[in-house]
């Protein structure tokens, strides 16, 4: 397993990181909110359409 910060081999004492420094770098990224999940609705102008009660393929 390699360190997710610098890709060096992981050390057992700091797993999955190779050192205390890389563990602290990762923690700082979390605290600064550098790791984010993209918002799927960020680019949409219209709200999604509500689901229809009719089965697909049948006219409404």
PDB file of N, CA and C in Angstrom:
ATOM      1  N   UNK A   1       0.858  -1.174   0.000  1.00  0.00           N
ATOM      2  CA  UNK A   1       0.000   0.000   0.000  1.00  0.00           C
ATOM      3  C   UNK A   1       0.904   1.236   0.000  1.00  0.00           C
ATOM      4  N   UNK A   2       0.529   2.214  -0.802  1.00  0.00           N
ATOM      5  CA  UNK A   2       1.326   3.435  -0.862  1.00  0.00           C
ATOM      6  C   UNK A   2       0.588   4.584  -0.178  1.00  0.00           C
ATOM      7  N   UNK A   3       1.341   5.548   0.268  1.00  0.00           N
ATOM      8  CA  UNK A   3       0.811   6.732   0.959  1.00  0.00           C
ATOM      9  C   UNK A   3      -0.077   7.521  -0.009  1.00  0.00           C
ATOM     10  N   UNK A   4      -1.296   7.891   0.407  1.00  0.00           N
ATOM     11  CA  UNK A   4      -2.178   8.642  -0.484  1.00  0.00           C
ATOM     12  C   UNK A   4      -1.711  10.076  -0.745  1.00  0.00           C
ATOM     13  N   UNK A   5      -0.773  10.577   0.061  1.00  0.00           N
ATOM     14  CA  UNK A   5      -0.292  11.951  -0.115  1.00  0.00           C
ATOM     15  C   UNK A   5       0.920  12.009  -1.037  1.00  0.00           C
ATOM     16  N   UNK A   6       1.922  11.138  -0.777  1.00  0.00           N
ATOM     17  CA  UNK A   6       3.172  11.242  -1.545  1.00  0.00           C
ATOM     18  C   UNK A   6       3.519   9.978  -2.330  1.00  0.00           C
ATOM     19  N   UNK A   7       2.755   8.914  -2.181  1.00  0.00           N
ATOM     20  CA  UNK A   7       2.920   7.648  -2.903  1.00  0.00           C
ATOM     21  C   UNK A   7       4.121   6.818  -2.465  1.00  0.00           C
ATOM     22  N   UNK A   8       4.776   7.169  -1.355  1.00  0.00           N
ATOM     23  CA  UNK A   8       5.838   6.321  -0.805  1.00  0.00           C
ATOM     24  C   UNK A   8       5.192   5.131  -0.109  1.00  0.00           C
ATOM     25  N   UNK A   9       5.953   4.078   0.167  1.00  0.00           N
ATOM     26  CA  UNK A   9       5.383   2.931   0.883  1.00  0.00           C
ATOM     27  C   UNK A   9       4.879   3.350   2.273  1.00  0.00           C
ATOM     28  N   UNK A  10       3.744   2.804   2.671  1.00  0.00           N
ATOM     29  CA  UNK A  10       3.151   3.151   3.970  1.00  0.00           C
ATOM     30  C   UNK A  10       3.952   2.539   5.105  1.00  0.00           C
ATOM     31  N   UNK A  11       4.009   3.265   6.225  1.00  0.00           N
ATOM     32  CA  UNK A  11       4.660   2.772   7.437  1.00  0.00           C
ATOM     33  C   UNK A  11       3.584   2.226   8.370  1.00  0.00           C
ATOM     34  N   UNK A  12       3.876   1.129   9.039  1.00  0.00           N
ATOM     35  CA  UNK A  12       2.889   0.480   9.908  1.00  0.00           C
ATOM     36  C   UNK A  12       2.395   1.427  11.000  1.00  0.00           C
ATOM     37  N   UNK A  13       3.265   2.264  11.530  1.00  0.00           N
ATOM     38  CA  UNK A  13       2.889   3.163  12.623  1.00  0.00           C
ATOM     39  C   UNK A  13       1.931   4.267  12.174  1.00  0.00           C
ATOM     40  N   UNK A  14       1.962   4.618  10.902  1.00  0.00           N
ATOM     41  CA  UNK A  14       1.144   5.733  10.400  1.00  0.00           C
ATOM     42  C   UNK A  14       0.177   5.304   9.301  1.00  0.00           C
ATOM     43  N   UNK A  15      -0.059   4.027   9.152  1.00  0.00           N
ATOM     44  CA  UNK A  15      -0.883   3.492   8.070  1.00  0.00           C
ATOM     45  C   UNK A  15      -2.184   4.241   7.920  1.00  0.00           C
ATOM     46  N   UNK A  16      -2.605   4.646   6.774  1.00  0.00           N
ATOM     47  CA  UNK A  16      -2.105   4.342   5.434  1.00  0.00           C
ATOM     48  C   UNK A  16      -1.036   5.304   4.950  1.00  0.00           C
ATOM     49  N   UNK A  17      -0.539   6.168   5.826  1.00  0.00           N
ATOM     50  CA  UNK A  17       0.460   7.166   5.441  1.00  0.00           C
ATOM     51  C   UNK A  17       1.869   6.638   5.675  1.00  0.00           C
ATOM     52  N   UNK A  18       2.858   7.345   5.123  1.00  0.00           N
ATOM     53  CA  UNK A  18       4.252   6.928   5.296  1.00  0.00           C
ATOM     54  C   UNK A  18       4.904   7.603   6.500  1.00  0.00           C
ATOM     55  N   UNK A  19       4.332   8.720   6.937  1.00  0.00           N
ATOM     56  CA  UNK A  19       4.931   9.460   8.045  1.00  0.00           C
ATOM     57  C   UNK A  19       3.888  10.327   8.745  1.00  0.00           C
ATOM     58  N   UNK A  20       4.276  10.874   9.866  1.00  0.00           N
ATOM     59  CA  UNK A  20       3.398  11.787  10.600  1.00  0.00           C
ATOM     60  C   UNK A  20       3.115  13.035   9.757  1.00  0.00           C
ATOM     61  N   UNK A  21       4.119  13.481   9.011  1.00  0.00           N
ATOM     62  CA  UNK A  21       3.957  14.668   8.172  1.00  0.00           C
ATOM     63  C   UNK A  21       2.832  14.477   7.158  1.00  0.00           C
ATOM     64  N   UNK A  22       2.822  13.336   6.447  1.00  0.00           N
ATOM     65  CA  UNK A  22       1.773  13.091   5.453  1.00  0.00           C
ATOM     66  C   UNK A  22       0.404  12.944   6.114  1.00  0.00           C
ATOM     67  N   UNK A  23       0.361  12.357   7.310  1.00  0.00           N
ATOM     68  CA  UNK A  23      -0.902  12.256   8.037  1.00  0.00           C
ATOM     69  C   UNK A  23      -1.412  13.650   8.385  1.00  0.00           C
ATOM     70  N   UNK A  24      -0.515  14.538   8.791  1.00  0.00           N
ATOM     71  CA  UNK A  24      -0.911  15.908   9.123  1.00  0.00           C
ATOM     72  C   UNK A  24      -1.333  16.697   7.880  1.00  0.00           C
ATOM     73  N   UNK A  25      -0.671  16.465   6.759  1.00  0.00           N
ATOM     74  CA  UNK A  25      -1.053  17.121   5.501  1.00  0.00           C
ATOM     75  C   UNK A  25      -2.474  16.706   5.128  1.00  0.00           C
ATOM     76  N   UNK A  26      -2.784  15.424   5.248  1.00  0.00           N
ATOM     77  CA  UNK A  26      -4.132  14.938   4.931  1.00  0.00           C
ATOM     78  C   UNK A  26      -5.164  15.533   5.882  1.00  0.00           C
ATOM     79  N   UNK A  27      -4.846  15.586   7.169  1.00  0.00           N
ATOM     80  CA  UNK A  27      -5.758  16.184   8.146  1.00  0.00           C
ATOM     81  C   UNK A  27      -6.017  17.655   7.825  1.00  0.00           C
ATOM     82  N   UNK A  28      -4.980  18.391   7.454  1.00  0.00           N
ATOM     83  CA  UNK A  28      -5.139  19.803   7.104  1.00  0.00           C
ATOM     84  C   UNK A  28      -6.043  19.962   5.873  1.00  0.00           C
ATOM     85  N   UNK A  29      -5.937  19.051   4.930  1.00  0.00           N
ATOM     86  CA  UNK A  29      -6.805  19.112   3.750  1.00  0.00           C
ATOM     87  C   UNK A  29      -8.262  18.906   4.147  1.00  0.00           C
ATOM     88  N   UNK A  30      -8.519  17.989   5.083  1.00  0.00           N
ATOM     89  CA  UNK A  30      -9.887  17.780   5.558  1.00  0.00           C
ATOM     90  C   UNK A  30     -10.387  19.018   6.291  1.00  0.00           C
ATOM     91  N   UNK A  31      -9.559  19.589   7.148  1.00  0.00           N
ATOM     92  CA  UNK A  31      -9.979  20.752   7.932  1.00  0.00           C
ATOM     93  C   UNK A  31     -10.190  21.992   7.076  1.00  0.00           C
ATOM     94  N   UNK A  32      -9.447  22.112   5.990  1.00  0.00           N
ATOM     95  CA  UNK A  32      -9.612  23.244   5.066  1.00  0.00           C
ATOM     96  C   UNK A  32     -10.704  22.997   4.044  1.00  0.00           C
ATOM     97  N   UNK A  33     -11.363  21.839   4.142  1.00  0.00           N
ATOM     98  CA  UNK A  33     -12.422  21.429   3.223  1.00  0.00           C
ATOM     99  C   UNK A  33     -11.934  21.328   1.782  1.00  0.00           C
ATOM    100  N   UNK A  34     -10.698  20.876   1.605  1.00  0.00           N
ATOM    101  CA  UNK A  34     -10.169  20.658   0.256  1.00  0.00           C
ATOM    102  C   UNK A  34     -10.794  19.439  -0.393  1.00  0.00           C
ATOM    103  N   UNK A  35     -11.200  18.468   0.421  1.00  0.00           N
ATOM    104  CA  UNK A  35     -11.870  17.279  -0.093  1.00  0.00           C
ATOM    105  C   UNK A  35     -13.364  17.560  -0.116  1.00  0.00           C
ATOM    106  N   UNK A  36     -13.949  17.547  -1.300  1.00  0.00           N
ATOM    107  CA  UNK A  36     -15.380  17.808  -1.438  1.00  0.00           C
ATOM    108  C   UNK A  36     -15.983  16.855  -2.452  1.00  0.00           C
ATOM    109  N   UNK A  37     -17.247  16.542  -2.254  1.00  0.00           N
ATOM    110  CA  UNK A  37     -18.008  15.768  -3.221  1.00  0.00           C
ATOM    111  C   UNK A  37     -18.725  16.774  -4.094  1.00  0.00           C
ATOM    112  N   UNK A  38     -18.582  16.682  -5.425  1.00  0.00           N
ATOM    113  CA  UNK A  38     -19.235  17.658  -6.296  1.00  0.00           C
ATOM    114  C   UNK A  38     -20.755  17.614  -6.146  1.00  0.00           C
ATOM    115  N   UNK A  39     -21.364  18.775  -6.189  1.00  0.00           N
ATOM    116  CA  UNK A  39     -22.811  18.894  -6.078  1.00  0.00           C
ATOM    117  C   UNK A  39     -23.418  18.651  -7.452  1.00  0.00           C
ATOM    118  N   UNK A  40     -24.217  17.610  -7.580  1.00  0.00           N
ATOM    119  CA  UNK A  40     -24.802  17.250  -8.873  1.00  0.00           C
ATOM    120  C   UNK A  40     -25.798  18.299  -9.355  1.00  0.00           C
ATOM    121  N   UNK A  41     -26.439  19.011  -8.455  1.00  0.00           N
ATOM    122  CA  UNK A  41     -27.454  19.994  -8.832  1.00  0.00           C
ATOM    123  C   UNK A  41     -26.861  21.376  -9.104  1.00  0.00           C
ATOM    124  N   UNK A  42     -25.567  21.543  -9.003  1.00  0.00           N
ATOM    125  CA  UNK A  42     -24.956  22.860  -9.138  1.00  0.00           C
ATOM    126  C   UNK A  42     -25.157  23.465 -10.526  1.00  0.00           C
ATOM    127  N   UNK A  43     -25.190  22.654 -11.577  1.00  0.00           N
ATOM    128  CA  UNK A  43     -25.308  23.198 -12.926  1.00  0.00           C
ATOM    129  C   UNK A  43     -26.713  23.203 -13.476  1.00  0.00           C
ATOM    130  N   UNK A  44     -27.688  22.748 -12.721  1.00  0.00           N
ATOM    131  CA  UNK A  44     -29.050  22.665 -13.230  1.00  0.00           C
ATOM    132  C   UNK A  44     -29.808  23.969 -12.993  1.00  0.00           C
ATOM    133  N   UNK A  45     -30.570  24.403 -14.016  1.00  0.00           N
ATOM    134  CA  UNK A  45     -31.377  25.619 -13.888  1.00  0.00           C
ATOM    135  C   UNK A  45     -32.799  25.314 -13.440  1.00  0.00           C
ATOM    136  N   UNK A  46     -33.292  24.124 -13.797  1.00  0.00           N
ATOM    137  CA  UNK A  46     -34.666  23.749 -13.478  1.00  0.00           C
ATOM    138  C   UNK A  46     -34.678  22.609 -12.465  1.00  0.00           C
ATOM    139  N   UNK A  47     -35.676  22.576 -11.590  1.00  0.00           N
ATOM    140  CA  UNK A  47     -35.775  21.448 -10.665  1.00  0.00           C
ATOM    141  C   UNK A  47     -36.141  20.180 -11.422  1.00  0.00           C
ATOM    142  N   UNK A  48     -35.792  19.007 -10.891  1.00  0.00           N
ATOM    143  CA  UNK A  48     -36.119  17.774 -11.592  1.00  0.00           C
ATOM    144  C   UNK A  48     -37.627  17.558 -11.673  1.00  0.00           C
ATOM    145  N   UNK A  49     -38.053  16.848 -12.720  1.00  0.00           N
ATOM    146  CA  UNK A  49     -39.464  16.572 -12.935  1.00  0.00           C
ATOM    147  C   UNK A  49     -39.933  15.519 -11.930  1.00  0.00           C
ATOM    148  N   UNK A  50     -41.118  15.699 -11.334  1.00  0.00           N
ATOM    149  CA  UNK A  50     -41.596  14.674 -10.404  1.00  0.00           C
ATOM    150  C   UNK A  50     -41.917  13.386 -11.158  1.00  0.00           C
ATOM    151  N   UNK A  51     -41.785  12.241 -10.480  1.00  0.00           N
ATOM    152  CA  UNK A  51     -42.049  10.979 -11.174  1.00  0.00           C
ATOM    153  C   UNK A  51     -43.509  10.857 -11.584  1.00  0.00           C
ATOM    154  N   UNK A  52     -43.753  10.217 -12.708  1.00  0.00           N
ATOM    155  CA  UNK A  52     -45.086  10.016 -13.227  1.00  0.00           C
ATOM    156  C   UNK A  52     -45.664   8.720 -12.678  1.00  0.00           C
ATOM    157  N   UNK A  53     -46.997   8.656 -12.525  1.00  0.00           N
ATOM    158  CA  UNK A  53     -47.648   7.448 -12.042  1.00  0.00           C
ATOM    159  C   UNK A  53     -47.909   6.439 -13.157  1.00  0.00           C
ATOM    160  N   UNK A  54     -47.785   6.864 -14.417  1.00  0.00           N
ATOM    161  CA  UNK A  54     -48.043   5.955 -15.532  1.00  0.00           C
ATOM    162  C   UNK A  54     -46.778   5.188 -15.863  1.00  0.00           C
ATOM    163  N   UNK A  55     -46.936   3.914 -16.256  1.00  0.00           N
ATOM    164  CA  UNK A  55     -45.758   3.122 -16.622  1.00  0.00           C
ATOM    165  C   UNK A  55     -45.084   3.688 -17.871  1.00  0.00           C
ATOM    166  N   UNK A  56     -43.782   3.453 -18.029  1.00  0.00           N
ATOM    167  CA  UNK A  56     -43.095   3.960 -19.219  1.00  0.00           C
ATOM    168  C   UNK A  56     -43.656   3.341 -20.489  1.00  0.00           C
ATOM    169  N   UNK A  57     -43.720   4.135 -21.556  1.00  0.00           N
ATOM    170  CA  UNK A  57     -44.194   3.671 -22.835  1.00  0.00           C
ATOM    171  C   UNK A  57     -45.687   3.906 -23.065  1.00  0.00           C
ATOM    172  N   UNK A  58     -46.403   4.300 -22.047  1.00  0.00           N
ATOM    173  CA  UNK A  58     -47.833   4.572 -22.199  1.00  0.00           C
ATOM    174  C   UNK A  58     -48.061   6.078 -22.219  1.00  0.00           C
ATOM    175  N   UNK A  59     -48.953   6.557 -23.085  1.00  0.00           N
ATOM    176  CA  UNK A  59     -49.237   8.001 -23.109  1.00  0.00           C
ATOM    177  C   UNK A  59     -49.949   8.431 -21.837  1.00  0.00           C
ATOM    178  N   UNK A  60     -49.762   9.670 -21.474  1.00  0.00           N
ATOM    179  CA  UNK A  60     -50.376  10.185 -20.238  1.00  0.00           C
ATOM    180  C   UNK A  60     -51.725  10.770 -20.470  1.00  0.00           C
TER     181      UNK A  60
END
